[in-house]
Amino acid sequence: MNAVTENLRRQMADLTGFNDMVRHALQPMVETYRPPQWHSVFESLRDTLNKHRPENLRDVTLGTGDLEKLLVDEGVPLMRVPGPQTVRTLLDAPDAATRRRIISG
């Protein structure tokens, strides 16, 4: 067990070093995009993306796995059908049976 623990410890140290290297390499880019003028650019981009997102999903953070589970596996429509609160409740539900109860309620 000590060999496994030591191996994991070494791998974690390597990853920490790698993360530090990436952080150091990206620092100039971070500084370039930090000035306030970029905030308005990204804000404008977010607004544009939101205009093309269905209204009921604008305030919901969706992961690809969440969408696949509900849309493909269970056939639950999310686009423009339930309101944002219902979408969040469906995504937070622990299983398909609970989601069916939410929809039928």
N, C-alpha and C. Protein backbone atom coordinates (compact mmCIF):
# COMPACT_ATOMS: atom_id res chain seq x y z
N MET A 1 0.83 -1.20 0.00
CA MET A 1 0.00 0.00 0.00
C MET A 1 0.86 1.25 0.00
N ASN A 2 2.03 1.21 0.62
CA ASN A 2 2.92 2.37 0.63
C ASN A 2 3.38 2.76 -0.76
N ALA A 3 3.63 1.77 -1.62
CA ALA A 3 4.06 2.05 -2.99
C ALA A 3 2.96 2.78 -3.76
N VAL A 4 1.72 2.37 -3.56
CA VAL A 4 0.59 3.02 -4.22
C VAL A 4 0.45 4.46 -3.71
N THR A 5 0.53 4.63 -2.43
CA THR A 5 0.42 5.96 -1.83
C THR A 5 1.53 6.87 -2.33
N GLU A 6 2.74 6.36 -2.37
CA GLU A 6 3.87 7.15 -2.85
C GLU A 6 3.72 7.50 -4.33
N ASN A 7 3.23 6.57 -5.11
CA ASN A 7 3.00 6.82 -6.53
C ASN A 7 1.96 7.92 -6.71
N LEU A 8 0.87 7.84 -5.96
CA LEU A 8 -0.16 8.88 -6.03
C LEU A 8 0.39 10.23 -5.59
N ARG A 9 1.18 10.24 -4.55
CA ARG A 9 1.79 11.48 -4.06
C ARG A 9 2.67 12.11 -5.14
N ARG A 10 3.45 11.28 -5.83
CA ARG A 10 4.32 11.77 -6.91
C ARG A 10 3.49 12.33 -8.07
N GLN A 11 2.43 11.63 -8.41
CA GLN A 11 1.57 12.09 -9.51
C GLN A 11 0.92 13.42 -9.16
N MET A 12 0.48 13.57 -7.92
CA MET A 12 -0.14 14.84 -7.49
C MET A 12 0.89 15.97 -7.55
N ALA A 13 2.11 15.69 -7.14
CA ALA A 13 3.16 16.71 -7.19
C ALA A 13 3.44 17.10 -8.64
N ASP A 14 3.45 16.12 -9.55
CA ASP A 14 3.65 16.41 -10.97
C ASP A 14 2.53 17.29 -11.51
N LEU A 15 1.29 16.96 -11.13
CA LEU A 15 0.15 17.76 -11.59
C LEU A 15 0.22 19.18 -11.05
N THR A 16 0.62 19.32 -9.80
CA THR A 16 0.75 20.65 -9.22
C THR A 16 1.78 21.46 -9.99
N GLY A 17 2.89 20.83 -10.32
CA GLY A 17 3.91 21.51 -11.11
C GLY A 17 3.39 21.88 -12.49
N PHE A 18 2.63 20.99 -13.10
CA PHE A 18 2.05 21.27 -14.41
C PHE A 18 1.08 22.44 -14.32
N ASN A 19 0.21 22.43 -13.31
CA ASN A 19 -0.74 23.53 -13.13
C ASN A 19 -0.02 24.86 -12.96
N ASP A 20 1.06 24.87 -12.18
CA ASP A 20 1.83 26.10 -12.00
C ASP A 20 2.42 26.56 -13.32
N MET A 21 2.92 25.62 -14.13
CA MET A 21 3.51 25.96 -15.42
C MET A 21 2.45 26.57 -16.35
N VAL A 22 1.26 25.97 -16.40
CA VAL A 22 0.18 26.48 -17.24
C VAL A 22 -0.24 27.87 -16.76
N ARG A 23 -0.38 28.03 -15.45
CA ARG A 23 -0.77 29.33 -14.89
C ARG A 23 0.25 30.40 -15.27
N HIS A 24 1.53 30.08 -15.16
CA HIS A 24 2.59 31.01 -15.51
C HIS A 24 2.55 31.34 -17.01
N ALA A 25 2.33 30.33 -17.85
CA ALA A 25 2.30 30.53 -19.31
C ALA A 25 1.11 31.38 -19.74
N LEU A 26 -0.02 31.26 -19.04
CA LEU A 26 -1.22 32.00 -19.42
C LEU A 26 -1.31 33.39 -18.80
N GLN A 27 -0.44 33.68 -17.85
CA GLN A 27 -0.51 34.97 -17.15
C GLN A 27 -0.49 36.18 -18.09
N PRO A 28 0.38 36.23 -19.12
CA PRO A 28 0.34 37.39 -20.02
C PRO A 28 -1.01 37.56 -20.72
N MET A 29 -1.64 36.46 -21.11
CA MET A 29 -2.94 36.55 -21.75
C MET A 29 -4.00 37.05 -20.77
N VAL A 30 -3.92 36.58 -19.54
CA VAL A 30 -4.87 37.02 -18.52
C VAL A 30 -4.75 38.53 -18.32
N GLU A 31 -3.54 39.02 -18.26
CA GLU A 31 -3.32 40.45 -18.09
C GLU A 31 -3.83 41.24 -19.29
N THR A 32 -3.70 40.68 -20.48
CA THR A 32 -4.17 41.36 -21.69
C THR A 32 -5.68 41.53 -21.67
N TYR A 33 -6.41 40.51 -21.21
CA TYR A 33 -7.87 40.55 -21.24
C TYR A 33 -8.49 41.05 -19.94
N ARG A 34 -7.70 41.52 -19.03
CA ARG A 34 -8.21 42.01 -17.76
C ARG A 34 -8.73 43.45 -17.82
N PRO A 35 -8.20 44.32 -18.70
CA PRO A 35 -8.65 45.72 -18.70
C PRO A 35 -10.16 45.85 -18.87
N PRO A 36 -10.74 46.91 -18.32
CA PRO A 36 -12.19 47.10 -18.32
C PRO A 36 -12.84 47.06 -19.71
N GLN A 37 -12.13 47.52 -20.76
CA GLN A 37 -12.78 47.53 -22.07
C GLN A 37 -13.19 46.12 -22.52
N TRP A 38 -12.46 45.10 -22.06
CA TRP A 38 -12.82 43.74 -22.44
C TRP A 38 -14.09 43.27 -21.73
N HIS A 39 -14.37 43.82 -20.56
CA HIS A 39 -15.59 43.43 -19.84
C HIS A 39 -16.81 43.74 -20.68
N SER A 40 -16.82 44.91 -21.32
CA SER A 40 -17.97 45.26 -22.14
C SER A 40 -18.07 44.36 -23.37
N VAL A 41 -16.93 43.95 -23.92
CA VAL A 41 -16.94 43.05 -25.07
C VAL A 41 -17.56 41.71 -24.68
N PHE A 42 -17.11 41.16 -23.55
CA PHE A 42 -17.64 39.87 -23.11
C PHE A 42 -19.10 39.98 -22.67
N GLU A 43 -19.45 41.10 -22.09
CA GLU A 43 -20.85 41.34 -21.70
C GLU A 43 -21.74 41.38 -22.94
N SER A 44 -21.27 42.04 -23.97
CA SER A 44 -22.02 42.12 -25.22
C SER A 44 -22.16 40.74 -25.85
N LEU A 45 -21.10 39.95 -25.80
CA LEU A 45 -21.14 38.59 -26.32
C LEU A 45 -22.16 37.76 -25.55
N ARG A 46 -22.16 37.88 -24.23
CA ARG A 46 -23.13 37.14 -23.41
C ARG A 46 -24.55 37.55 -23.75
N ASP A 47 -24.78 38.85 -23.93
CA ASP A 47 -26.12 39.33 -24.29
C ASP A 47 -26.57 38.77 -25.64
N THR A 48 -25.63 38.74 -26.59
CA THR A 48 -25.95 38.20 -27.91
C THR A 48 -26.30 36.73 -27.83
N LEU A 49 -25.52 35.96 -27.07
CA LEU A 49 -25.82 34.54 -26.91
C LEU A 49 -27.17 34.33 -26.23
N ASN A 50 -27.48 35.15 -25.24
CA ASN A 50 -28.75 35.02 -24.53
C ASN A 50 -29.94 35.30 -25.44
N LYS A 51 -29.77 36.19 -26.41
CA LYS A 51 -30.86 36.48 -27.33
C LYS A 51 -31.24 35.26 -28.15
N HIS A 52 -30.29 34.36 -28.38
CA HIS A 52 -30.54 33.18 -29.19
C HIS A 52 -30.84 31.94 -28.35
N ARG A 53 -30.85 32.10 -27.06
CA ARG A 53 -31.16 30.99 -26.17
C ARG A 53 -32.64 31.09 -25.79
N PRO A 54 -33.34 29.96 -25.74
CA PRO A 54 -34.75 30.04 -25.36
C PRO A 54 -34.92 30.75 -24.02
N GLU A 55 -35.94 31.58 -23.93
CA GLU A 55 -36.15 32.42 -22.74
C GLU A 55 -36.22 31.61 -21.45
N ASN A 56 -36.82 30.44 -21.49
CA ASN A 56 -36.96 29.66 -20.26
C ASN A 56 -35.65 29.03 -19.81
N LEU A 57 -34.60 29.08 -20.64
CA LEU A 57 -33.32 28.48 -20.27
C LEU A 57 -32.24 29.53 -20.00
N ARG A 58 -32.56 30.80 -20.11
CA ARG A 58 -31.54 31.84 -19.97
C ARG A 58 -30.93 31.92 -18.58
N ASP A 59 -31.70 31.65 -17.56
CA ASP A 59 -31.19 31.76 -16.19
C ASP A 59 -30.78 30.41 -15.61
N VAL A 60 -30.71 29.38 -16.45
CA VAL A 60 -30.38 28.03 -15.99
C VAL A 60 -29.02 27.65 -16.55
N THR A 61 -28.15 27.17 -15.67
CA THR A 61 -26.85 26.67 -16.11
C THR A 61 -27.02 25.21 -16.48
N LEU A 62 -26.73 24.90 -17.73
CA LEU A 62 -26.94 23.54 -18.22
C LEU A 62 -25.62 22.87 -18.54
N GLY A 63 -25.49 21.63 -18.14
CA GLY A 63 -24.35 20.83 -18.54
C GLY A 63 -24.78 19.89 -19.66
N THR A 64 -23.85 19.48 -20.48
CA THR A 64 -24.17 18.59 -21.59
C THR A 64 -24.81 17.31 -21.08
N GLY A 65 -24.30 16.78 -19.99
CA GLY A 65 -24.86 15.56 -19.42
C GLY A 65 -26.30 15.74 -18.97
N ASP A 66 -26.59 16.92 -18.40
CA ASP A 66 -27.96 17.21 -17.97
C ASP A 66 -28.91 17.17 -19.15
N LEU A 67 -28.53 17.85 -20.22
CA LEU A 67 -29.39 17.90 -21.40
C LEU A 67 -29.58 16.52 -22.02
N GLU A 68 -28.49 15.78 -22.15
CA GLU A 68 -28.59 14.46 -22.76
C GLU A 68 -29.51 13.56 -21.96
N LYS A 69 -29.37 13.59 -20.64
CA LYS A 69 -30.18 12.73 -19.77
C LYS A 69 -31.67 13.04 -19.96
N LEU A 70 -32.03 14.31 -19.92
CA LEU A 70 -33.44 14.66 -20.00
C LEU A 70 -33.98 14.58 -21.42
N LEU A 71 -33.24 15.11 -22.39
CA LEU A 71 -33.75 15.15 -23.76
C LEU A 71 -33.71 13.80 -24.46
N VAL A 72 -32.57 13.13 -24.40
CA VAL A 72 -32.38 11.89 -25.15
C VAL A 72 -32.88 10.68 -24.36
N ASP A 73 -32.39 10.51 -23.15
CA ASP A 73 -32.72 9.31 -22.38
C ASP A 73 -34.18 9.27 -21.94
N GLU A 74 -34.71 10.44 -21.52
CA GLU A 74 -36.06 10.44 -20.96
C GLU A 74 -37.10 11.12 -21.84
N GLY A 75 -36.66 11.82 -22.88
CA GLY A 75 -37.60 12.47 -23.79
C GLY A 75 -38.34 13.64 -23.18
N VAL A 76 -37.74 14.31 -22.19
CA VAL A 76 -38.38 15.46 -21.55
C VAL A 76 -38.03 16.71 -22.36
N PRO A 77 -39.04 17.38 -22.94
CA PRO A 77 -38.75 18.60 -23.71
C PRO A 77 -38.42 19.75 -22.76
N LEU A 78 -37.38 20.51 -23.09
CA LEU A 78 -37.00 21.65 -22.26
C LEU A 78 -37.10 22.97 -23.00
N MET A 79 -36.99 22.95 -24.31
CA MET A 79 -36.93 24.19 -25.07
C MET A 79 -38.30 24.84 -25.15
N ARG A 80 -38.42 25.98 -24.53
CA ARG A 80 -39.61 26.84 -24.57
C ARG A 80 -40.87 26.21 -23.97
N VAL A 81 -40.77 25.03 -23.36
CA VAL A 81 -41.97 24.39 -22.82
C VAL A 81 -42.14 24.72 -21.34
N PRO A 82 -41.31 24.17 -20.43
CA PRO A 82 -41.48 24.55 -19.02
C PRO A 82 -40.77 25.87 -18.73
N GLY A 83 -41.21 26.53 -17.67
CA GLY A 83 -40.55 27.77 -17.26
C GLY A 83 -39.19 27.50 -16.65
N PRO A 84 -38.40 28.56 -16.43
CA PRO A 84 -37.04 28.39 -15.91
C PRO A 84 -36.99 27.66 -14.57
N GLN A 85 -37.94 27.93 -13.69
CA GLN A 85 -37.95 27.28 -12.37
C GLN A 85 -38.20 25.78 -12.52
N THR A 86 -39.09 25.41 -13.43
CA THR A 86 -39.38 24.00 -13.67
C THR A 86 -38.17 23.30 -14.28
N VAL A 87 -37.48 23.98 -15.21
CA VAL A 87 -36.27 23.41 -15.80
C VAL A 87 -35.25 23.12 -14.71
N ARG A 88 -35.03 24.09 -13.82
CA ARG A 88 -34.06 23.90 -12.73
C ARG A 88 -34.48 22.74 -11.84
N THR A 89 -35.78 22.64 -11.52
CA THR A 89 -36.30 21.57 -10.68
C THR A 89 -36.09 20.21 -11.36
N LEU A 90 -36.33 20.16 -12.67
CA LEU A 90 -36.12 18.92 -13.41
C LEU A 90 -34.65 18.51 -13.42
N LEU A 91 -33.77 19.48 -13.60
CA LEU A 91 -32.34 19.18 -13.62
C LEU A 91 -31.84 18.73 -12.25
N ASP A 92 -32.44 19.26 -11.20
CA ASP A 92 -32.02 18.91 -9.84
C ASP A 92 -32.65 17.62 -9.32
N ALA A 93 -33.68 17.14 -10.01
CA ALA A 93 -34.38 15.93 -9.54
C ALA A 93 -33.43 14.73 -9.56
N PRO A 94 -33.54 13.86 -8.56
CA PRO A 94 -32.60 12.75 -8.43
C PRO A 94 -32.78 11.62 -9.44
N ASP A 95 -34.01 11.50 -10.02
CA ASP A 95 -34.22 10.36 -10.92
C ASP A 95 -35.39 10.65 -11.87
N ALA A 96 -35.56 9.73 -12.82
CA ALA A 96 -36.60 9.88 -13.84
C ALA A 96 -38.01 9.87 -13.23
N ALA A 97 -38.23 9.03 -12.23
CA ALA A 97 -39.55 8.96 -11.61
C ALA A 97 -39.94 10.30 -10.99
N THR A 98 -39.00 10.94 -10.34
CA THR A 98 -39.27 12.25 -9.75
C THR A 98 -39.56 13.28 -10.83
N ARG A 99 -38.79 13.22 -11.93
CA ARG A 99 -39.05 14.17 -13.02
C ARG A 99 -40.43 13.95 -13.62
N ARG A 100 -40.86 12.71 -13.77
CA ARG A 100 -42.21 12.44 -14.29
C ARG A 100 -43.27 13.01 -13.36
N ARG A 101 -43.05 12.90 -12.05
CA ARG A 101 -44.01 13.47 -11.08
C ARG A 101 -44.07 14.99 -11.21
N ILE A 102 -42.91 15.61 -11.41
CA ILE A 102 -42.85 17.07 -11.57
C ILE A 102 -43.64 17.49 -12.80
N ILE A 103 -43.44 16.79 -13.91
CA ILE A 103 -44.12 17.13 -15.16
C ILE A 103 -45.62 16.90 -15.08
N SER A 104 -46.01 15.83 -14.43
CA SER A 104 -47.44 15.50 -14.37
C SER A 104 -48.18 16.30 -13.32
N GLY A 105 -47.41 16.97 -12.40
CA GLY A 105 -48.01 17.72 -11.31
C GLY A 105 -48.55 18.98 -11.76
